[in-house]
Amino acid sequence: MHIGQNVRIIAVPDSVVDEPGFLTRSILIQCIGKVFPIMGFQGELLAIDVGEILGKASYLETIYVEPACVERVSGN
């Protein structure tokens, strides 16, 4: 996988939980089935900008996703 490649969120790990101020699990659940470009990496995690899920500019909210939780979208 590489920066700019589109991926579809297909799963949320059981270990991901919501915490005060960081609703990572809730956001990921809303992202299931949607396609996003990879914006970068943090270790093995993929950085995905998901601000539009919350009605914001895409770059205002970034989540980090395990590669096992996405599928590549063909064409890029």
PDB file of N, CA and C in Angstrom:
ATOM      1  N   MET A   1       0.847  -1.175   0.000  1.00  0.00           N
ATOM      2  CA  MET A   1       0.000   0.000   0.000  1.00  0.00           C
ATOM      3  C   MET A   1       0.890   1.235   0.000  1.00  0.00           C
ATOM      4  N   HIS A   2       0.355   2.312  -0.548  1.00  0.00           N
ATOM      5  CA  HIS A   2       1.148   3.530  -0.664  1.00  0.00           C
ATOM      6  C   HIS A   2       0.275   4.764  -0.470  1.00  0.00           C
ATOM      7  N   ILE A   3       0.927   5.878  -0.176  1.00  0.00           N
ATOM      8  CA  ILE A   3       0.220   7.145  -0.003  1.00  0.00           C
ATOM      9  C   ILE A   3      -0.536   7.466  -1.288  1.00  0.00           C
ATOM     10  N   GLY A   4      -1.775   7.882  -1.144  1.00  0.00           N
ATOM     11  CA  GLY A   4      -2.629   8.213  -2.278  1.00  0.00           C
ATOM     12  C   GLY A   4      -3.495   7.068  -2.752  1.00  0.00           C
ATOM     13  N   GLN A   5      -3.160   5.849  -2.365  1.00  0.00           N
ATOM     14  CA  GLN A   5      -3.961   4.690  -2.770  1.00  0.00           C
ATOM     15  C   GLN A   5      -5.297   4.716  -2.029  1.00  0.00           C
ATOM     16  N   ASN A   6      -6.363   4.413  -2.737  1.00  0.00           N
ATOM     17  CA  ASN A   6      -7.684   4.358  -2.111  1.00  0.00           C
ATOM     18  C   ASN A   6      -7.912   3.010  -1.452  1.00  0.00           C
ATOM     19  N   VAL A   7      -8.489   3.068  -0.246  1.00  0.00           N
ATOM     20  CA  VAL A   7      -8.841   1.855   0.485  1.00  0.00           C
ATOM     21  C   VAL A   7     -10.260   2.000   1.023  1.00  0.00           C
ATOM     22  N   ARG A   8     -10.926   0.878   1.182  1.00  0.00           N
ATOM     23  CA  ARG A   8     -12.271   0.839   1.761  1.00  0.00           C
ATOM     24  C   ARG A   8     -12.154   0.282   3.176  1.00  0.00           C
ATOM     25  N   ILE A   9     -12.746   0.964   4.131  1.00  0.00           N
ATOM     26  CA  ILE A   9     -12.773   0.473   5.511  1.00  0.00           C
ATOM     27  C   ILE A   9     -13.756  -0.695   5.569  1.00  0.00           C
ATOM     28  N   ILE A  10     -13.301  -1.848   6.059  1.00  0.00           N
ATOM     29  CA  ILE A  10     -14.151  -3.039   6.081  1.00  0.00           C
ATOM     30  C   ILE A  10     -14.374  -3.607   7.481  1.00  0.00           C
ATOM     31  N   ALA A  11     -13.633  -3.117   8.478  1.00  0.00           N
ATOM     32  CA  ALA A  11     -13.770  -3.688   9.815  1.00  0.00           C
ATOM     33  C   ALA A  11     -13.265  -2.702  10.864  1.00  0.00           C
ATOM     34  N   VAL A  12     -13.708  -2.938  12.090  1.00  0.00           N
ATOM     35  CA  VAL A  12     -13.230  -2.186  13.252  1.00  0.00           C
ATOM     36  C   VAL A  12     -12.733  -3.211  14.264  1.00  0.00           C
ATOM     37  N   PRO A  13     -11.467  -3.135  14.646  1.00  0.00           N
ATOM     38  CA  PRO A  13     -10.961  -4.100  15.628  1.00  0.00           C
ATOM     39  C   PRO A  13     -11.687  -3.965  16.965  1.00  0.00           C
ATOM     40  N   ASP A  14     -11.893  -5.083  17.642  1.00  0.00           N
ATOM     41  CA  ASP A  14     -12.541  -5.060  18.949  1.00  0.00           C
ATOM     42  C   ASP A  14     -11.756  -4.220  19.954  1.00  0.00           C
ATOM     43  N   SER A  15     -10.443  -4.108  19.745  1.00  0.00           N
ATOM     44  CA  SER A  15      -9.596  -3.381  20.697  1.00  0.00           C
ATOM     45  C   SER A  15      -9.757  -1.861  20.596  1.00  0.00           C
ATOM     46  N   VAL A  16     -10.368  -1.368  19.521  1.00  0.00           N
ATOM     47  CA  VAL A  16     -10.559   0.079  19.354  1.00  0.00           C
ATOM     48  C   VAL A  16     -11.792   0.498  20.139  1.00  0.00           C
ATOM     49  N   VAL A  17     -11.597   1.460  21.033  1.00  0.00           N
ATOM     50  CA  VAL A  17     -12.698   1.935  21.878  1.00  0.00           C
ATOM     51  C   VAL A  17     -12.794   3.449  21.809  1.00  0.00           C
ATOM     52  N   ASP A  18     -13.959   3.965  22.149  1.00  0.00           N
ATOM     53  CA  ASP A  18     -14.135   5.406  22.286  1.00  0.00           C
ATOM     54  C   ASP A  18     -13.586   5.838  23.639  1.00  0.00           C
ATOM     55  N   GLU A  19     -12.959   6.999  23.640  1.00  0.00           N
ATOM     56  CA  GLU A  19     -12.472   7.601  24.877  1.00  0.00           C
ATOM     57  C   GLU A  19     -12.932   9.050  24.877  1.00  0.00           C
ATOM     58  N   PRO A  20     -13.006   9.682  26.032  1.00  0.00           N
ATOM     59  CA  PRO A  20     -13.421  11.088  26.061  1.00  0.00           C
ATOM     60  C   PRO A  20     -12.554  11.930  25.115  1.00  0.00           C
ATOM     61  N   GLY A  21     -13.203  12.614  24.189  1.00  0.00           N
ATOM     62  CA  GLY A  21     -12.490  13.450  23.238  1.00  0.00           C
ATOM     63  C   GLY A  21     -11.956  12.727  22.017  1.00  0.00           C
ATOM     64  N   PHE A  22     -11.969  11.404  22.023  1.00  0.00           N
ATOM     65  CA  PHE A  22     -11.475  10.604  20.905  1.00  0.00           C
ATOM     66  C   PHE A  22     -12.466   9.487  20.622  1.00  0.00           C
ATOM     67  N   LEU A  23     -13.383   9.743  19.717  1.00  0.00           N
ATOM     68  CA  LEU A  23     -14.450   8.784  19.413  1.00  0.00           C
ATOM     69  C   LEU A  23     -14.048   7.877  18.247  1.00  0.00           C
ATOM     70  N   THR A  24     -12.871   7.298  18.362  1.00  0.00           N
ATOM     71  CA  THR A  24     -12.296   6.519  17.274  1.00  0.00           C
ATOM     72  C   THR A  24     -13.200   5.374  16.834  1.00  0.00           C
ATOM     73  N   ARG A  25     -13.724   4.607  17.753  1.00  0.00           N
ATOM     74  CA  ARG A  25     -14.575   3.470  17.384  1.00  0.00           C
ATOM     75  C   ARG A  25     -15.830   3.948  16.657  1.00  0.00           C
ATOM     76  N   SER A  26     -16.502   4.950  17.197  1.00  0.00           N
ATOM     77  CA  SER A  26     -17.723   5.472  16.582  1.00  0.00           C
ATOM     78  C   SER A  26     -17.455   5.996  15.174  1.00  0.00           C
ATOM     79  N   ILE A  27     -16.344   6.699  15.000  1.00  0.00           N
ATOM     80  CA  ILE A  27     -16.000   7.225  13.679  1.00  0.00           C
ATOM     81  C   ILE A  27     -15.706   6.087  12.718  1.00  0.00           C
ATOM     82  N   LEU A  28     -14.932   5.103  13.164  1.00  0.00           N
ATOM     83  CA  LEU A  28     -14.621   3.968  12.286  1.00  0.00           C
ATOM     84  C   LEU A  28     -15.880   3.219  11.859  1.00  0.00           C
ATOM     85  N   ILE A  29     -16.819   3.052  12.753  1.00  0.00           N
ATOM     86  CA  ILE A  29     -18.076   2.376  12.402  1.00  0.00           C
ATOM     87  C   ILE A  29     -18.794   3.150  11.301  1.00  0.00           C
ATOM     88  N   GLN A  30     -18.783   4.475  11.377  1.00  0.00           N
ATOM     89  CA  GLN A  30     -19.415   5.290  10.339  1.00  0.00           C
ATOM     90  C   GLN A  30     -18.665   5.201   9.011  1.00  0.00           C
ATOM     91  N   CYS A  31     -17.386   4.848   9.051  1.00  0.00           N
ATOM     92  CA  CYS A  31     -16.553   4.774   7.848  1.00  0.00           C
ATOM     93  C   CYS A  31     -16.665   3.438   7.115  1.00  0.00           C
ATOM     94  N   ILE A  32     -17.224   2.418   7.755  1.00  0.00           N
ATOM     95  CA  ILE A  32     -17.285   1.100   7.127  1.00  0.00           C
ATOM     96  C   ILE A  32     -18.006   1.200   5.783  1.00  0.00           C
ATOM     97  N   GLY A  33     -17.348   0.642   4.760  1.00  0.00           N
ATOM     98  CA  GLY A  33     -17.897   0.633   3.412  1.00  0.00           C
ATOM     99  C   GLY A  33     -17.522   1.846   2.578  1.00  0.00           C
ATOM    100  N   LYS A  34     -16.939   2.856   3.215  1.00  0.00           N
ATOM    101  CA  LYS A  34     -16.568   4.078   2.485  1.00  0.00           C
ATOM    102  C   LYS A  34     -15.105   3.999   2.047  1.00  0.00           C
ATOM    103  N   VAL A  35     -14.784   4.752   1.000  1.00  0.00           N
ATOM    104  CA  VAL A  35     -13.441   4.733   0.406  1.00  0.00           C
ATOM    105  C   VAL A  35     -12.711   6.030   0.744  1.00  0.00           C
ATOM    106  N   PHE A  36     -11.439   5.892   1.143  1.00  0.00           N
ATOM    107  CA  PHE A  36     -10.589   7.018   1.511  1.00  0.00           C
ATOM    108  C   PHE A  36      -9.190   6.800   0.949  1.00  0.00           C
ATOM    109  N   PRO A  37      -8.475   7.874   0.620  1.00  0.00           N
ATOM    110  CA  PRO A  37      -7.073   7.720   0.228  1.00  0.00           C
ATOM    111  C   PRO A  37      -6.181   7.602   1.465  1.00  0.00           C
ATOM    112  N   ILE A  38      -5.127   6.845   1.333  1.00  0.00           N
ATOM    113  CA  ILE A  38      -4.114   6.780   2.390  1.00  0.00           C
ATOM    114  C   ILE A  38      -3.338   8.086   2.372  1.00  0.00           C
ATOM    115  N   MET A  39      -3.278   8.753   3.520  1.00  0.00           N
ATOM    116  CA  MET A  39      -2.606  10.047   3.612  1.00  0.00           C
ATOM    117  C   MET A  39      -1.187   9.924   4.160  1.00  0.00           C
ATOM    118  N   GLY A  40      -0.887   8.810   4.792  1.00  0.00           N
ATOM    119  CA  GLY A  40       0.444   8.610   5.361  1.00  0.00           C
ATOM    120  C   GLY A  40       0.452   7.348   6.206  1.00  0.00           C
ATOM    121  N   PHE A  41       1.517   7.186   6.965  1.00  0.00           N
ATOM    122  CA  PHE A  41       1.680   6.006   7.811  1.00  0.00           C
ATOM    123  C   PHE A  41       2.214   6.411   9.169  1.00  0.00           C
ATOM    124  N   GLN A  42       1.814   5.656  10.183  1.00  0.00           N
ATOM    125  CA  GLN A  42       2.400   5.779  11.514  1.00  0.00           C
ATOM    126  C   GLN A  42       2.762   4.362  11.902  1.00  0.00           C
ATOM    127  N   GLY A  43       4.021   4.023  11.753  1.00  0.00           N
ATOM    128  CA  GLY A  43       4.421   2.631  11.912  1.00  0.00           C
ATOM    129  C   GLY A  43       3.723   1.814  10.839  1.00  0.00           C
ATOM    130  N   GLU A  44       3.015   0.776  11.252  1.00  0.00           N
ATOM    131  CA  GLU A  44       2.282  -0.065  10.310  1.00  0.00           C
ATOM    132  C   GLU A  44       0.855   0.417  10.071  1.00  0.00           C
ATOM    133  N   LEU A  45       0.419   1.421  10.815  1.00  0.00           N
ATOM    134  CA  LEU A  45      -0.949   1.923  10.680  1.00  0.00           C
ATOM    135  C   LEU A  45      -1.076   2.885   9.503  1.00  0.00           C
ATOM    136  N   LEU A  46      -2.238   2.865   8.859  1.00  0.00           N
ATOM    137  CA  LEU A  46      -2.526   3.761   7.743  1.00  0.00           C
ATOM    138  C   LEU A  46      -3.209   5.009   8.272  1.00  0.00           C
ATOM    139  N   ALA A  47      -2.762   6.176   7.867  1.00  0.00           N
ATOM    140  CA  ALA A  47      -3.401   7.439   8.241  1.00  0.00           C
ATOM    141  C   ALA A  47      -4.478   7.751   7.208  1.00  0.00           C
ATOM    142  N   ILE A  48      -5.710   7.911   7.679  1.00  0.00           N
ATOM    143  CA  ILE A  48      -6.860   8.172   6.816  1.00  0.00           C
ATOM    144  C   ILE A  48      -7.548   9.441   7.316  1.00  0.00           C
ATOM    145  N   ASP A  49      -7.737  10.419   6.440  1.00  0.00           N
ATOM    146  CA  ASP A  49      -8.449  11.648   6.809  1.00  0.00           C
ATOM    147  C   ASP A  49      -9.944  11.429   6.636  1.00  0.00           C
ATOM    148  N   VAL A  50     -10.691  11.616   7.722  1.00  0.00           N
ATOM    149  CA  VAL A  50     -12.118  11.281   7.718  1.00  0.00           C
ATOM    150  C   VAL A  50     -13.011  12.431   8.203  1.00  0.00           C
ATOM    151  N   GLY A  51     -12.530  13.640   8.135  1.00  0.00           N
ATOM    152  CA  GLY A  51     -13.305  14.780   8.624  1.00  0.00           C
ATOM    153  C   GLY A  51     -14.682  14.897   8.018  1.00  0.00           C
ATOM    154  N   GLU A  52     -14.836  14.518   6.741  1.00  0.00           N
ATOM    155  CA  GLU A  52     -16.143  14.649   6.089  1.00  0.00           C
ATOM    156  C   GLU A  52     -17.211  13.788   6.761  1.00  0.00           C
ATOM    157  N   ILE A  53     -16.808  12.722   7.435  1.00  0.00           N
ATOM    158  CA  ILE A  53     -17.762  11.889   8.175  1.00  0.00           C
ATOM    159  C   ILE A  53     -18.418  12.716   9.285  1.00  0.00           C
ATOM    160  N   LEU A  54     -17.683  13.695   9.805  1.00  0.00           N
ATOM    161  CA  LEU A  54     -18.175  14.531  10.902  1.00  0.00           C
ATOM    162  C   LEU A  54     -18.628  15.904  10.422  1.00  0.00           C
ATOM    163  N   GLY A  55     -18.756  16.060   9.108  1.00  0.00           N
ATOM    164  CA  GLY A  55     -19.214  17.327   8.561  1.00  0.00           C
ATOM    165  C   GLY A  55     -18.151  18.413   8.547  1.00  0.00           C
ATOM    166  N   LYS A  56     -16.886  18.021   8.570  1.00  0.00           N
ATOM    167  CA  LYS A  56     -15.773  18.956   8.571  1.00  0.00           C
ATOM    168  C   LYS A  56     -14.959  18.773   7.294  1.00  0.00           C
ATOM    169  N   ALA A  57     -13.969  19.625   7.117  1.00  0.00           N
ATOM    170  CA  ALA A  57     -12.999  19.402   6.042  1.00  0.00           C
ATOM    171  C   ALA A  57     -12.289  18.078   6.333  1.00  0.00           C
ATOM    172  N   SER A  58     -12.035  17.318   5.296  1.00  0.00           N
ATOM    173  CA  SER A  58     -11.465  15.980   5.438  1.00  0.00           C
ATOM    174  C   SER A  58     -10.230  15.945   6.336  1.00  0.00           C
ATOM    175  N   TYR A  59      -9.309  16.883   6.138  1.00  0.00           N
ATOM    176  CA  TYR A  59      -8.021  16.872   6.842  1.00  0.00           C
ATOM    177  C   TYR A  59      -8.129  17.209   8.334  1.00  0.00           C
ATOM    178  N   LEU A  60      -9.289  17.641   8.793  1.00  0.00           N
ATOM    179  CA  LEU A  60      -9.427  18.033  10.197  1.00  0.00           C
ATOM    180  C   LEU A  60      -9.557  16.862  11.165  1.00  0.00           C
ATOM    181  N   GLU A  61      -9.823  15.672  10.655  1.00  0.00           N
ATOM    182  CA  GLU A  61      -9.911  14.477  11.508  1.00  0.00           C
ATOM    183  C   GLU A  61      -9.157  13.347  10.829  1.00  0.00           C
ATOM    184  N   THR A  62      -8.164  12.820  11.508  1.00  0.00           N
ATOM    185  CA  THR A  62      -7.374  11.707  10.982  1.00  0.00           C
ATOM    186  C   THR A  62      -7.490  10.532  11.940  1.00  0.00           C
ATOM    187  N   ILE A  63      -7.688   9.355  11.375  1.00  0.00           N
ATOM    188  CA  ILE A  63      -7.662   8.137  12.180  1.00  0.00           C
ATOM    189  C   ILE A  63      -6.549   7.252  11.641  1.00  0.00           C
ATOM    190  N   TYR A  64      -6.104   6.339  12.470  1.00  0.00           N
ATOM    191  CA  TYR A  64      -5.045   5.405  12.092  1.00  0.00           C
ATOM    192  C   TYR A  64      -5.635   4.006  12.133  1.00  0.00           C
ATOM    193  N   VAL A  65      -5.506   3.308  11.003  1.00  0.00           N
ATOM    194  CA  VAL A  65      -6.202   2.046  10.801  1.00  0.00           C
ATOM    195  C   VAL A  65      -5.204   0.931  10.506  1.00  0.00           C
ATOM    196  N   GLU A  66      -5.470  -0.236  11.063  1.00  0.00           N
ATOM    197  CA  GLU A  66      -4.655  -1.402  10.762  1.00  0.00           C
ATOM    198  C   GLU A  66      -4.919  -1.845   9.325  1.00  0.00           C
ATOM    199  N   PRO A  67      -3.893  -2.257   8.596  1.00  0.00           N
ATOM    200  CA  PRO A  67      -4.090  -2.715   7.221  1.00  0.00           C
ATOM    201  C   PRO A  67      -5.126  -3.833   7.090  1.00  0.00           C
ATOM    202  N   ALA A  68      -5.289  -4.661   8.110  1.00  0.00           N
ATOM    203  CA  ALA A  68      -6.258  -5.752   8.064  1.00  0.00           C
ATOM    204  C   ALA A  68      -7.704  -5.243   8.061  1.00  0.00           C
ATOM    205  N   CYS A  69      -7.905  -3.971   8.378  1.00  0.00           N
ATOM    206  CA  CYS A  69      -9.241  -3.390   8.470  1.00  0.00           C
ATOM    207  C   CYS A  69      -9.669  -2.680   7.190  1.00  0.00           C
ATOM    208  N   VAL A  70      -8.830  -2.766   6.155  1.00  0.00           N
ATOM    209  CA  VAL A  70      -9.151  -2.119   4.889  1.00  0.00           C
ATOM    210  C   VAL A  70      -8.962  -3.103   3.737  1.00  0.00           C
ATOM    211  N   GLU A  71      -9.562  -2.758   2.606  1.00  0.00           N
ATOM    212  CA  GLU A  71      -9.274  -3.481   1.372  1.00  0.00           C
ATOM    213  C   GLU A  71      -8.884  -2.464   0.321  1.00  0.00           C
ATOM    214  N   ARG A  72      -7.958  -2.851  -0.514  1.00  0.00           N
ATOM    215  CA  ARG A  72      -7.547  -1.961  -1.595  1.00  0.00           C
ATOM    216  C   ARG A  72      -8.679  -1.804  -2.596  1.00  0.00           C
ATOM    217  N   VAL A  73      -8.797  -0.600  -3.124  1.00  0.00           N
ATOM    218  CA  VAL A  73      -9.770  -0.328  -4.150  1.00  0.00           C
ATOM    219  C   VAL A  73      -8.999  -0.284  -5.464  1.00  0.00           C
ATOM    220  N   SER A  74      -9.395  -1.091  -6.419  1.00  0.00           N
ATOM    221  CA  SER A  74      -8.649  -1.178  -7.683  1.00  0.00           C
ATOM    222  C   SER A  74      -8.715   0.138  -8.438  1.00  0.00           C
ATOM    223  N   GLY A  75      -7.725   0.332  -9.285  1.00  0.00           N
ATOM    224  CA  GLY A  75      -7.699   1.521 -10.109  1.00  0.00           C
ATOM    225  C   GLY A  75      -6.689   2.542  -9.654  1.00  0.00           C
ATOM    226  N   ASN A  76      -5.939   2.253  -8.601  1.00  0.00           N
ATOM    227  CA  ASN A  76      -4.889   3.206  -8.188  1.00  0.00           C
ATOM    228  C   ASN A  76      -3.732   2.502  -7.555  1.00  0.00           C
TER     229      ASN A  76
END
